């Protein structure tokens, strides 16, 4: 009976020989070179944010303002990051919008708000404080800050197609050391909303009168 035998060839026993020292050194050096690039990217990103914040501060504080300057600064960051930066309390513990209100830079305020789809709770609180500081009920209403008193009613008005309520505050002089304030309130679609909600609430500014 014939048999077959297989001759073992030591030269072919290793099909995938280990990499050479030079190739290992090259791959390690590539990793080492890659890590600093990540840190450089993060550092560059923080530098851009700091530059944009400096530009925002300059716009708020400078009397020489052009709306186009905001657009050029905003273009250096993604829209969401620029919106977030505007709403952070990063200028003397307040937002840029707060200072635009307090310094009576109404044009700056409206340009800033164009980059914000919805105020964050922290920014909304800062805006409310600014309006109270300036005793500005009209601006308080224009910014829809009173809607926060009852979010369910806000949602209902949207479903009903109901316009915002009208609230006007009239200032009067002191009478016997007491401040008397009159205001005009007009609830839109009053009966329908009251039947559904069972209660209605409004908020306005009368501080400092």
N, C-alpha and C. Protein backbone atom coordinates (compact mmCIF):
# COMPACT_ATOMS: atom_id res chain seq x y z
N UNK A 1 0.86 -1.19 0.00
CA UNK A 1 0.00 0.00 0.00
C UNK A 1 0.89 1.24 0.00
N UNK A 2 0.56 2.10 -0.90
CA UNK A 2 1.36 3.34 -1.02
C UNK A 2 0.91 4.35 0.02
N UNK A 3 1.79 5.11 0.60
CA UNK A 3 1.48 6.16 1.57
C UNK A 3 2.05 7.48 1.09
N UNK A 4 1.39 8.55 1.53
CA UNK A 4 1.87 9.88 1.17
C UNK A 4 2.48 10.53 2.40
N UNK A 5 3.50 11.19 2.20
CA UNK A 5 4.17 11.88 3.30
C UNK A 5 4.32 13.35 2.95
N UNK A 6 4.27 14.20 3.96
CA UNK A 6 4.39 15.66 3.77
C UNK A 6 5.68 16.13 4.41
N UNK A 7 6.45 16.73 3.59
CA UNK A 7 7.74 17.22 4.07
C UNK A 7 7.54 18.59 4.70
N UNK A 8 7.98 18.77 5.94
CA UNK A 8 7.84 20.04 6.66
C UNK A 8 8.96 20.99 6.24
N UNK A 9 8.57 22.08 5.69
CA UNK A 9 9.55 23.09 5.25
C UNK A 9 9.57 24.23 6.26
N UNK A 10 10.63 24.36 6.99
CA UNK A 10 10.73 25.37 8.05
C UNK A 10 10.64 26.80 7.50
N UNK A 11 10.97 26.98 6.26
CA UNK A 11 10.94 28.33 5.67
C UNK A 11 9.54 28.84 5.43
N UNK A 12 8.55 27.90 5.37
CA UNK A 12 7.17 28.31 5.11
C UNK A 12 6.27 28.14 6.33
N UNK A 13 6.82 27.89 7.50
CA UNK A 13 6.01 27.61 8.70
C UNK A 13 5.33 28.86 9.24
N UNK A 14 5.88 30.01 8.96
CA UNK A 14 5.31 31.27 9.46
C UNK A 14 4.80 32.07 8.26
N UNK A 15 3.45 32.09 8.11
CA UNK A 15 2.87 32.79 6.96
C UNK A 15 2.82 34.30 7.17
N UNK A 16 2.67 34.73 8.44
CA UNK A 16 2.61 36.16 8.76
C UNK A 16 3.68 36.51 9.77
N UNK A 17 4.86 36.79 9.33
CA UNK A 17 5.94 37.09 10.28
C UNK A 17 5.65 38.37 11.04
N UNK A 18 6.16 38.53 12.26
CA UNK A 18 5.92 39.74 13.06
C UNK A 18 6.50 40.96 12.37
N UNK A 19 5.89 42.12 12.62
CA UNK A 19 6.40 43.34 11.98
C UNK A 19 7.78 43.68 12.45
N UNK A 20 8.47 44.36 11.61
CA UNK A 20 9.84 44.75 11.94
C UNK A 20 9.84 45.87 12.97
N UNK A 21 10.95 46.09 13.58
CA UNK A 21 11.08 47.14 14.59
C UNK A 21 10.80 48.51 14.00
N UNK A 22 11.26 48.70 12.74
CA UNK A 22 11.06 50.00 12.10
C UNK A 22 9.58 50.31 11.91
N UNK A 23 8.78 49.29 11.53
CA UNK A 23 7.35 49.53 11.32
C UNK A 23 6.64 49.81 12.63
N UNK A 24 7.05 49.11 13.71
CA UNK A 24 6.44 49.36 15.03
C UNK A 24 6.76 50.78 15.47
N UNK A 25 7.98 51.19 15.28
CA UNK A 25 8.38 52.54 15.69
C UNK A 25 7.58 53.59 14.93
N UNK A 26 7.33 53.32 13.65
CA UNK A 26 6.60 54.27 12.83
C UNK A 26 5.16 54.41 13.30
N UNK A 27 4.50 53.27 13.61
CA UNK A 27 3.10 53.30 14.03
C UNK A 27 2.95 54.00 15.37
N UNK A 28 3.89 53.77 16.28
CA UNK A 28 3.84 54.42 17.60
C UNK A 28 4.02 55.92 17.44
N UNK A 29 4.95 56.31 16.59
CA UNK A 29 5.17 57.75 16.40
C UNK A 29 3.96 58.42 15.78
N UNK A 30 3.20 57.69 14.92
CA UNK A 30 1.98 58.24 14.33
C UNK A 30 0.96 58.53 15.40
N UNK A 31 0.80 57.62 16.38
CA UNK A 31 -0.15 57.83 17.47
C UNK A 31 0.26 59.02 18.30
N UNK A 32 1.56 59.12 18.58
CA UNK A 32 2.06 60.23 19.38
C UNK A 32 1.81 61.56 18.67
N UNK A 33 1.98 61.55 17.35
CA UNK A 33 1.74 62.78 16.60
C UNK A 33 0.26 63.12 16.54
N UNK A 34 -0.63 62.12 16.59
CA UNK A 34 -2.07 62.33 16.46
C UNK A 34 -2.65 63.00 17.70
N UNK A 35 -2.20 62.58 18.88
CA UNK A 35 -2.79 63.11 20.11
C UNK A 35 -2.65 64.61 20.24
N UNK A 36 -1.48 65.18 20.00
CA UNK A 36 -1.39 66.64 20.07
C UNK A 36 -2.33 67.35 19.12
N UNK A 37 -2.64 66.73 17.97
CA UNK A 37 -3.54 67.37 17.02
C UNK A 37 -4.94 67.52 17.60
N UNK A 38 -5.39 66.53 18.41
CA UNK A 38 -6.69 66.61 19.06
C UNK A 38 -6.71 67.76 20.06
N UNK A 39 -5.66 67.85 20.86
CA UNK A 39 -5.57 68.92 21.84
C UNK A 39 -5.49 70.28 21.15
N UNK A 40 -4.80 70.32 20.03
CA UNK A 40 -4.70 71.57 19.29
C UNK A 40 -6.06 72.01 18.77
N UNK A 41 -6.87 71.02 18.34
CA UNK A 41 -8.21 71.34 17.84
C UNK A 41 -9.08 71.92 18.96
N UNK A 42 -9.04 71.28 20.14
CA UNK A 42 -9.83 71.76 21.28
C UNK A 42 -9.37 73.15 21.72
N UNK A 43 -8.05 73.32 21.71
CA UNK A 43 -7.51 74.62 22.10
C UNK A 43 -7.92 75.69 21.10
N UNK A 44 -7.91 75.34 19.82
CA UNK A 44 -8.32 76.28 18.79
C UNK A 44 -9.80 76.64 18.93
N UNK A 45 -10.61 75.64 19.28
CA UNK A 45 -12.04 75.87 19.46
C UNK A 45 -12.30 76.83 20.62
N UNK A 46 -11.61 76.61 21.74
CA UNK A 46 -11.77 77.49 22.89
C UNK A 46 -11.29 78.91 22.57
N UNK A 47 -10.24 78.98 21.76
CA UNK A 47 -9.72 80.29 21.37
C UNK A 47 -10.74 81.04 20.52
N UNK A 48 -11.42 80.32 19.62
CA UNK A 48 -12.45 80.96 18.79
C UNK A 48 -13.60 81.46 19.64
N UNK A 49 -14.02 80.64 20.62
CA UNK A 49 -15.12 81.05 21.51
C UNK A 49 -14.73 82.30 22.30
N UNK A 50 -13.48 82.34 22.78
CA UNK A 50 -13.02 83.50 23.54
C UNK A 50 -12.99 84.74 22.66
N UNK A 51 -12.60 84.57 21.41
CA UNK A 51 -12.56 85.70 20.48
C UNK A 51 -13.97 86.21 20.18
N UNK A 52 -14.90 85.28 19.99
CA UNK A 52 -16.29 85.66 19.73
C UNK A 52 -16.90 86.36 20.94
N UNK A 53 -16.64 85.83 22.13
CA UNK A 53 -17.15 86.46 23.35
C UNK A 53 -16.60 87.87 23.51
N UNK A 54 -15.32 88.05 23.17
CA UNK A 54 -14.73 89.39 23.24
C UNK A 54 -15.42 90.33 22.26
N UNK A 55 -15.78 89.80 21.08
CA UNK A 55 -16.50 90.62 20.10
C UNK A 55 -17.90 90.97 20.57
N UNK A 56 -18.58 90.03 21.22
CA UNK A 56 -19.92 90.29 21.76
C UNK A 56 -19.87 91.37 22.84
N UNK A 57 -18.87 91.25 23.71
CA UNK A 57 -18.70 92.25 24.77
C UNK A 57 -18.46 93.64 24.17
N UNK A 58 -17.68 93.70 23.11
CA UNK A 58 -17.37 94.97 22.47
C UNK A 58 -18.63 95.57 21.84
N UNK A 59 -19.47 94.73 21.23
CA UNK A 59 -20.70 95.22 20.61
C UNK A 59 -21.64 95.79 21.66
N UNK A 60 -21.75 95.12 22.81
CA UNK A 60 -22.64 95.57 23.88
C UNK A 60 -22.16 96.88 24.48
N UNK A 61 -20.86 97.02 24.62
CA UNK A 61 -20.33 98.19 25.32
C UNK A 61 -20.03 99.37 24.42
N UNK A 62 -19.82 99.11 23.14
CA UNK A 62 -19.43 100.20 22.24
C UNK A 62 -20.66 100.93 21.68
N UNK A 63 -20.62 102.26 21.64
CA UNK A 63 -21.74 103.01 21.06
C UNK A 63 -21.78 102.92 19.53
N UNK A 64 -20.64 102.58 18.93
CA UNK A 64 -20.56 102.45 17.48
C UNK A 64 -20.89 101.02 17.09
N UNK A 65 -22.13 100.80 16.72
CA UNK A 65 -22.60 99.44 16.44
C UNK A 65 -23.22 99.36 15.06
N UNK A 66 -22.85 98.33 14.33
CA UNK A 66 -23.49 98.05 13.04
C UNK A 66 -23.99 96.62 13.08
N UNK A 67 -25.24 96.36 12.67
CA UNK A 67 -25.79 95.01 12.70
C UNK A 67 -24.94 93.98 11.97
N UNK A 68 -24.27 94.40 10.91
CA UNK A 68 -23.46 93.45 10.14
C UNK A 68 -22.29 92.90 10.94
N UNK A 69 -21.85 93.66 11.95
CA UNK A 69 -20.73 93.19 12.76
C UNK A 69 -21.10 91.95 13.55
N UNK A 70 -22.36 91.81 13.96
CA UNK A 70 -22.80 90.62 14.67
C UNK A 70 -22.76 89.41 13.75
N UNK A 71 -23.21 89.60 12.52
CA UNK A 71 -23.20 88.50 11.57
C UNK A 71 -21.82 88.00 11.27
N UNK A 72 -20.84 88.89 11.14
CA UNK A 72 -19.48 88.49 10.85
C UNK A 72 -18.86 87.73 12.02
N UNK A 73 -19.20 88.13 13.24
CA UNK A 73 -18.69 87.42 14.42
C UNK A 73 -19.36 86.06 14.56
N UNK A 74 -20.67 86.03 14.33
CA UNK A 74 -21.42 84.78 14.47
C UNK A 74 -20.95 83.73 13.47
N UNK A 75 -20.47 84.16 12.31
CA UNK A 75 -20.07 83.23 11.25
C UNK A 75 -18.87 82.38 11.63
N UNK A 76 -18.14 82.77 12.68
CA UNK A 76 -16.95 82.01 13.07
C UNK A 76 -17.28 80.82 13.94
N UNK A 77 -18.54 80.69 14.36
CA UNK A 77 -18.97 79.57 15.19
C UNK A 77 -20.21 78.92 14.59
N UNK A 78 -20.45 77.63 14.88
CA UNK A 78 -21.73 77.02 14.48
C UNK A 78 -22.88 77.78 15.13
N UNK A 79 -24.03 77.80 14.47
CA UNK A 79 -25.17 78.59 14.94
C UNK A 79 -25.57 78.23 16.37
N UNK A 80 -25.59 76.93 16.70
CA UNK A 80 -25.99 76.50 18.04
C UNK A 80 -25.01 77.00 19.10
N UNK A 81 -23.72 77.00 18.78
CA UNK A 81 -22.72 77.46 19.74
C UNK A 81 -22.83 78.96 19.96
N UNK A 82 -23.08 79.70 18.89
CA UNK A 82 -23.20 81.16 19.04
C UNK A 82 -24.44 81.51 19.87
N UNK A 83 -25.54 80.80 19.61
CA UNK A 83 -26.76 81.01 20.39
C UNK A 83 -26.52 80.70 21.86
N UNK A 84 -25.81 79.62 22.12
CA UNK A 84 -25.51 79.23 23.51
C UNK A 84 -24.62 80.27 24.18
N UNK A 85 -23.66 80.80 23.44
CA UNK A 85 -22.74 81.79 23.99
C UNK A 85 -23.48 83.08 24.36
N UNK A 86 -24.45 83.47 23.54
CA UNK A 86 -25.24 84.67 23.83
C UNK A 86 -26.07 84.51 25.10
N UNK A 87 -26.47 83.27 25.42
CA UNK A 87 -27.38 83.05 26.54
C UNK A 87 -26.67 82.67 27.84
N UNK A 88 -25.36 82.58 27.80
CA UNK A 88 -24.61 82.29 29.02
C UNK A 88 -24.32 83.56 29.79
N UNK A 89 -24.26 83.43 31.11
CA UNK A 89 -23.95 84.59 31.95
C UNK A 89 -22.43 84.75 32.02
N UNK A 90 -21.86 85.22 30.93
CA UNK A 90 -20.41 85.27 30.81
C UNK A 90 -19.87 86.69 30.74
N UNK A 91 -20.73 87.69 30.94
CA UNK A 91 -20.28 89.08 30.98
C UNK A 91 -20.71 89.69 32.31
N UNK A 92 -19.79 89.76 33.24
CA UNK A 92 -20.09 90.28 34.58
C UNK A 92 -21.30 89.58 35.19
N UNK A 93 -21.32 88.26 35.08
CA UNK A 93 -22.37 87.41 35.68
C UNK A 93 -23.75 87.60 35.03
N UNK A 94 -23.80 88.17 33.84
CA UNK A 94 -25.07 88.33 33.13
C UNK A 94 -24.86 88.01 31.65
N UNK A 95 -25.96 87.82 30.95
CA UNK A 95 -25.90 87.54 29.51
C UNK A 95 -25.70 88.83 28.73
N UNK A 96 -25.28 88.66 27.48
CA UNK A 96 -25.12 89.82 26.60
C UNK A 96 -26.47 90.52 26.39
N UNK A 97 -27.56 89.74 26.36
CA UNK A 97 -28.89 90.31 26.16
C UNK A 97 -29.29 91.17 27.35
N UNK A 98 -28.92 90.74 28.55
CA UNK A 98 -29.20 91.52 29.76
C UNK A 98 -28.58 92.92 29.63
N UNK A 99 -27.30 92.95 29.23
CA UNK A 99 -26.62 94.24 29.14
C UNK A 99 -27.16 95.10 28.01
N UNK A 100 -27.63 94.46 26.95
CA UNK A 100 -28.24 95.22 25.86
C UNK A 100 -29.50 95.93 26.35
N UNK A 101 -30.24 95.29 27.26
CA UNK A 101 -31.45 95.90 27.83
C UNK A 101 -31.09 97.00 28.82
N UNK A 102 -30.19 96.69 29.74
CA UNK A 102 -29.84 97.65 30.80
C UNK A 102 -29.18 98.89 30.21
N UNK A 103 -28.40 98.72 29.15
CA UNK A 103 -27.73 99.86 28.53
C UNK A 103 -28.59 100.53 27.46
N UNK A 104 -29.84 100.07 27.34
CA UNK A 104 -30.80 100.63 26.40
C UNK A 104 -30.30 100.54 24.96
N UNK A 105 -29.69 99.41 24.66
CA UNK A 105 -29.22 99.15 23.30
C UNK A 105 -30.23 98.22 22.62
N UNK A 106 -31.41 98.75 22.37
CA UNK A 106 -32.51 97.94 21.86
C UNK A 106 -32.19 97.31 20.50
N UNK A 107 -31.50 98.05 19.64
CA UNK A 107 -31.15 97.51 18.33
C UNK A 107 -30.23 96.29 18.47
N UNK A 108 -29.29 96.39 19.38
CA UNK A 108 -28.39 95.26 19.63
C UNK A 108 -29.18 94.05 20.13
N UNK A 109 -30.12 94.30 21.03
CA UNK A 109 -30.94 93.22 21.58
C UNK A 109 -31.67 92.46 20.47
N UNK A 110 -32.32 93.18 19.57
CA UNK A 110 -33.11 92.52 18.53
C UNK A 110 -32.23 91.77 17.54
N UNK A 111 -31.04 92.28 17.29
CA UNK A 111 -30.12 91.55 16.41
C UNK A 111 -29.68 90.24 17.08
N UNK A 112 -29.37 90.31 18.38
CA UNK A 112 -28.98 89.10 19.10
C UNK A 112 -30.09 88.05 19.10
N UNK A 113 -31.32 88.49 19.32
CA UNK A 113 -32.43 87.53 19.42
C UNK A 113 -32.68 86.79 18.10
N UNK A 114 -32.23 87.36 16.99
CA UNK A 114 -32.40 86.68 15.70
C UNK A 114 -31.61 85.38 15.64
N UNK A 115 -30.59 85.25 16.48
CA UNK A 115 -29.76 84.05 16.49
C UNK A 115 -30.23 83.04 17.53
N UNK A 116 -31.35 83.33 18.22
CA UNK A 116 -31.84 82.46 19.28
C UNK A 116 -33.26 82.00 18.94
N UNK A 117 -33.44 80.70 18.75
CA UNK A 117 -34.76 80.17 18.41
C UNK A 117 -35.68 80.15 19.63
N UNK A 118 -35.11 79.85 20.79
CA UNK A 118 -35.89 79.81 22.03
C UNK A 118 -34.97 80.09 23.20
N UNK A 119 -35.40 80.98 24.11
CA UNK A 119 -34.56 81.32 25.26
C UNK A 119 -34.44 80.13 26.20
N UNK A 120 -33.22 79.92 26.69
CA UNK A 120 -33.02 78.91 27.72
C UNK A 120 -33.62 79.42 29.02
N UNK A 121 -33.92 78.53 29.99
CA UNK A 121 -34.47 78.99 31.27
C UNK A 121 -33.57 80.01 31.96
N UNK A 122 -32.25 79.80 31.91
CA UNK A 122 -31.32 80.72 32.56
C UNK A 122 -31.34 82.08 31.88
N UNK A 123 -31.38 82.09 30.55
CA UNK A 123 -31.42 83.36 29.81
C UNK A 123 -32.75 84.07 30.03
N UNK A 124 -33.84 83.32 30.03
CA UNK A 124 -35.16 83.89 30.27
C UNK A 124 -35.21 84.58 31.63
N UNK A 125 -34.63 83.93 32.63
CA UNK A 125 -34.60 84.51 33.98
C UNK A 125 -33.79 85.81 33.99
N UNK A 126 -32.68 85.82 33.25
CA UNK A 126 -31.84 87.02 33.19
C UNK A 126 -32.54 88.16 32.46
N UNK A 127 -33.30 87.83 31.43
CA UNK A 127 -34.06 88.84 30.70
C UNK A 127 -35.16 89.44 31.57
N UNK A 128 -35.82 88.59 32.33
CA UNK A 128 -36.87 89.07 33.23
C UNK A 128 -36.28 90.05 34.25
N UNK A 129 -35.10 89.70 34.77
CA UNK A 129 -34.43 90.56 35.74
C UNK A 129 -34.06 91.90 35.11
N UNK A 130 -33.60 91.86 33.87
CA UNK A 130 -33.24 93.10 33.18
C UNK A 130 -34.46 94.00 32.97
N UNK A 131 -35.57 93.40 32.57
CA UNK A 131 -36.80 94.18 32.37
C UNK A 131 -37.30 94.78 33.68
N UNK A 132 -37.16 94.02 34.77
CA UNK A 132 -37.55 94.55 36.07
C UNK A 132 -36.63 95.68 36.50
N UNK A 133 -35.33 95.52 36.24
CA UNK A 133 -34.36 96.56 36.59
C UNK A 133 -34.68 97.87 35.88
N UNK A 134 -35.08 97.75 34.63
CA UNK A 134 -35.38 98.94 33.82
C UNK A 134 -36.85 99.33 33.88
N UNK A 135 -37.65 98.58 34.64
CA UNK A 135 -39.07 98.87 34.77
C UNK A 135 -39.74 98.95 33.39
N UNK A 136 -39.43 97.97 32.55
CA UNK A 136 -39.86 98.00 31.16
C UNK A 136 -40.88 96.88 30.89
N UNK A 137 -42.13 97.16 31.17
CA UNK A 137 -43.17 96.17 30.96
C UNK A 137 -43.43 95.93 29.46
N UNK A 138 -43.30 96.97 28.66
CA UNK A 138 -43.52 96.82 27.21
C UNK A 138 -42.54 95.83 26.61
N UNK A 139 -41.26 95.95 26.97
CA UNK A 139 -40.26 95.01 26.47
C UNK A 139 -40.49 93.61 27.02
N UNK A 140 -40.90 93.54 28.27
CA UNK A 140 -41.25 92.26 28.90
C UNK A 140 -42.30 91.53 28.07
N UNK A 141 -43.28 92.26 27.58
CA UNK A 141 -44.34 91.68 26.76
C UNK A 141 -43.83 91.33 25.35
N UNK A 142 -43.01 92.20 24.79
CA UNK A 142 -42.50 91.95 23.45
C UNK A 142 -41.63 90.69 23.40
N UNK A 143 -40.93 90.41 24.47
CA UNK A 143 -40.08 89.22 24.53
C UNK A 143 -40.86 87.97 24.96
N UNK A 144 -42.17 88.13 25.18
CA UNK A 144 -43.05 87.01 25.57
C UNK A 144 -42.59 86.34 26.86
N UNK A 145 -42.00 87.10 27.76
CA UNK A 145 -41.52 86.52 29.00
C UNK A 145 -42.65 86.16 29.95
N UNK A 146 -43.80 86.81 29.79
CA UNK A 146 -44.95 86.50 30.64
C UNK A 146 -45.56 85.15 30.35
N UNK A 147 -45.24 84.56 29.20
CA UNK A 147 -45.79 83.25 28.86
C UNK A 147 -45.29 82.15 29.78
N UNK A 148 -44.20 82.40 30.48
CA UNK A 148 -43.64 81.37 31.35
C UNK A 148 -44.48 81.11 32.59
N UNK A 149 -45.41 82.01 32.89
CA UNK A 149 -46.21 81.84 34.09
C UNK A 149 -47.12 80.63 33.98
N UNK A 150 -47.55 80.28 32.76
CA UNK A 150 -48.41 79.12 32.57
C UNK A 150 -48.15 78.52 31.18
N UNK A 151 -47.19 77.62 31.07
CA UNK A 151 -46.86 77.02 29.77
C UNK A 151 -48.05 76.30 29.12
N UNK A 152 -48.97 75.73 29.92
CA UNK A 152 -50.13 75.04 29.36
C UNK A 152 -51.06 76.01 28.64
N UNK A 153 -51.21 77.20 29.21
CA UNK A 153 -52.05 78.20 28.57
C UNK A 153 -51.40 78.68 27.27
N UNK A 154 -50.08 78.78 27.26
CA UNK A 154 -49.36 79.15 26.05
C UNK A 154 -49.59 78.12 24.94
N UNK A 155 -49.53 76.85 25.31
CA UNK A 155 -49.77 75.78 24.34
C UNK A 155 -51.22 75.81 23.85
N UNK A 156 -52.16 76.09 24.76
CA UNK A 156 -53.58 76.16 24.38
C UNK A 156 -53.82 77.30 23.40
N UNK A 157 -53.23 78.45 23.66
CA UNK A 157 -53.41 79.59 22.76
C UNK A 157 -52.87 79.28 21.37
N UNK A 158 -51.78 78.51 21.33
CA UNK A 158 -51.21 78.14 20.03
C UNK A 158 -52.17 77.24 19.27
N UNK A 159 -52.80 76.29 19.98
CA UNK A 159 -53.75 75.37 19.34
C UNK A 159 -55.00 76.12 18.86
N UNK A 160 -55.47 77.06 19.68
CA UNK A 160 -56.68 77.82 19.34
C UNK A 160 -56.41 78.92 18.32
N UNK A 161 -55.14 79.20 18.07
CA UNK A 161 -54.83 80.33 17.20
C UNK A 161 -55.15 81.64 17.87
N UNK A 162 -55.00 81.68 19.18
CA UNK A 162 -55.38 82.85 19.97
C UNK A 162 -54.19 83.80 20.10
N UNK A 163 -54.38 85.08 19.83
CA UNK A 163 -53.28 86.04 19.99
C UNK A 163 -52.95 86.24 21.46
N UNK A 164 -51.83 86.88 21.71
CA UNK A 164 -51.38 87.12 23.09
C UNK A 164 -52.31 88.11 23.78
N UNK A 165 -52.40 87.97 25.11
CA UNK A 165 -53.19 88.90 25.91
C UNK A 165 -52.52 90.28 25.90
N UNK A 166 -53.31 91.30 26.08
CA UNK A 166 -52.79 92.66 26.10
C UNK A 166 -52.77 93.18 27.54
N UNK A 167 -51.59 93.63 27.95
CA UNK A 167 -51.45 94.17 29.30
C UNK A 167 -50.71 95.49 29.21
N UNK A 168 -51.34 96.53 29.66
CA UNK A 168 -50.72 97.86 29.68
C UNK A 168 -50.69 98.36 31.11
N UNK A 169 -49.53 98.84 31.51
CA UNK A 169 -49.35 99.35 32.88
C UNK A 169 -49.20 100.86 32.82
N UNK A 170 -49.99 101.54 33.64
CA UNK A 170 -49.96 103.01 33.67
C UNK A 170 -49.35 103.46 34.99
N UNK A 171 -48.44 104.41 34.90
CA UNK A 171 -47.76 104.90 36.10
C UNK A 171 -48.54 106.06 36.71
N UNK A 172 -48.51 106.12 38.03
CA UNK A 172 -49.17 107.21 38.75
C UNK A 172 -48.29 107.65 39.91
N UNK A 173 -48.54 108.83 40.40
CA UNK A 173 -47.73 109.36 41.48
C UNK A 173 -48.10 108.72 42.81
N UNK A 174 -47.22 108.96 43.79
CA UNK A 174 -47.48 108.47 45.13
C UNK A 174 -48.69 109.18 45.74
N UNK A 175 -49.49 108.41 46.44
CA UNK A 175 -50.64 108.94 47.17
C UNK A 175 -50.54 108.45 48.60
N UNK A 176 -50.28 109.38 49.51
CA UNK A 176 -50.14 109.04 50.92
C UNK A 176 -49.11 107.93 51.12
N UNK A 177 -47.94 108.16 50.52
CA UNK A 177 -46.81 107.22 50.63
C UNK A 177 -47.10 105.84 50.05
N UNK A 178 -48.08 105.76 49.22
CA UNK A 178 -48.38 104.49 48.56
C UNK A 178 -48.44 104.72 47.05
N UNK A 179 -47.91 103.78 46.33
CA UNK A 179 -47.92 103.87 44.88
C UNK A 179 -49.15 103.17 44.34
N UNK A 180 -49.95 103.90 43.62
CA UNK A 180 -51.16 103.35 43.02
C UNK A 180 -50.89 103.10 41.53
N UNK A 181 -51.12 101.89 41.12
CA UNK A 181 -50.84 101.49 39.74
C UNK A 181 -52.12 100.99 39.10
N UNK A 182 -52.42 101.51 37.94
CA UNK A 182 -53.55 101.04 37.17
C UNK A 182 -53.03 100.29 35.94
N UNK A 183 -53.72 99.25 35.59
CA UNK A 183 -53.32 98.52 34.39
C UNK A 183 -54.55 98.06 33.62
N UNK A 184 -54.37 97.91 32.34
CA UNK A 184 -55.43 97.46 31.45
C UNK A 184 -55.09 96.05 30.98
N UNK A 185 -56.02 95.12 31.20
CA UNK A 185 -55.79 93.73 30.85
C UNK A 185 -56.89 93.24 29.92
N UNK A 186 -56.49 92.70 28.80
CA UNK A 186 -57.45 92.16 27.84
C UNK A 186 -57.10 90.68 27.58
N UNK A 187 -57.94 89.76 28.09
CA UNK A 187 -57.76 88.34 27.81
C UNK A 187 -58.41 88.01 26.46
N UNK A 188 -57.65 87.42 25.57
CA UNK A 188 -58.18 87.02 24.28
C UNK A 188 -58.85 85.64 24.39
N UNK A 189 -60.00 85.49 23.75
CA UNK A 189 -60.78 84.23 23.80
C UNK A 189 -60.96 83.79 25.26
N UNK A 190 -61.36 84.75 26.07
CA UNK A 190 -61.41 84.56 27.53
C UNK A 190 -62.29 83.38 27.94
N UNK A 191 -63.52 83.34 27.49
CA UNK A 191 -64.45 82.30 27.94
C UNK A 191 -64.01 80.90 27.53
N UNK A 192 -63.55 80.75 26.30
CA UNK A 192 -63.10 79.44 25.82
C UNK A 192 -61.91 78.94 26.64
N UNK A 193 -60.95 79.79 26.84
CA UNK A 193 -59.75 79.40 27.60
C UNK A 193 -60.09 79.11 29.05
N UNK A 194 -60.99 79.90 29.64
CA UNK A 194 -61.35 79.70 31.03
C UNK A 194 -62.09 78.37 31.23
N UNK A 195 -62.95 78.02 30.28
CA UNK A 195 -63.67 76.74 30.39
C UNK A 195 -62.70 75.56 30.31
N UNK A 196 -61.69 75.69 29.48
CA UNK A 196 -60.74 74.58 29.30
C UNK A 196 -59.73 74.53 30.44
N UNK A 197 -59.17 75.68 30.80
CA UNK A 197 -58.11 75.73 31.79
C UNK A 197 -58.61 75.83 33.23
N UNK A 198 -59.84 76.33 33.41
CA UNK A 198 -60.42 76.56 34.73
C UNK A 198 -59.80 77.75 35.47
N UNK A 199 -58.66 78.20 35.01
CA UNK A 199 -58.04 79.38 35.62
C UNK A 199 -57.10 80.02 34.59
N UNK A 200 -56.91 81.33 34.72
CA UNK A 200 -56.02 82.06 33.85
C UNK A 200 -55.10 82.94 34.72
N UNK A 201 -53.88 83.09 34.29
CA UNK A 201 -52.92 83.89 35.06
C UNK A 201 -52.15 84.78 34.10
N UNK A 202 -51.77 85.94 34.57
CA UNK A 202 -50.96 86.85 33.78
C UNK A 202 -49.82 87.37 34.64
N UNK A 203 -48.81 87.90 33.98
CA UNK A 203 -47.65 88.43 34.69
C UNK A 203 -47.21 89.71 34.00
N UNK A 204 -46.92 90.72 34.79
CA UNK A 204 -46.44 91.98 34.22
C UNK A 204 -45.53 92.64 35.23
N UNK A 205 -44.87 93.71 34.79
CA UNK A 205 -43.90 94.40 35.62
C UNK A 205 -44.47 95.72 36.10
N UNK A 206 -44.46 95.91 37.40
CA UNK A 206 -44.91 97.18 37.98
C UNK A 206 -43.93 97.63 39.05
N UNK A 207 -42.75 97.05 39.08
CA UNK A 207 -41.76 97.37 40.09
C UNK A 207 -41.13 98.73 39.82
N UNK A 208 -40.83 99.43 40.86
CA UNK A 208 -40.08 100.68 40.74
C UNK A 208 -40.88 101.88 40.34
N UNK A 209 -42.19 101.74 40.27
CA UNK A 209 -43.00 102.89 39.88
C UNK A 209 -43.19 103.86 41.03
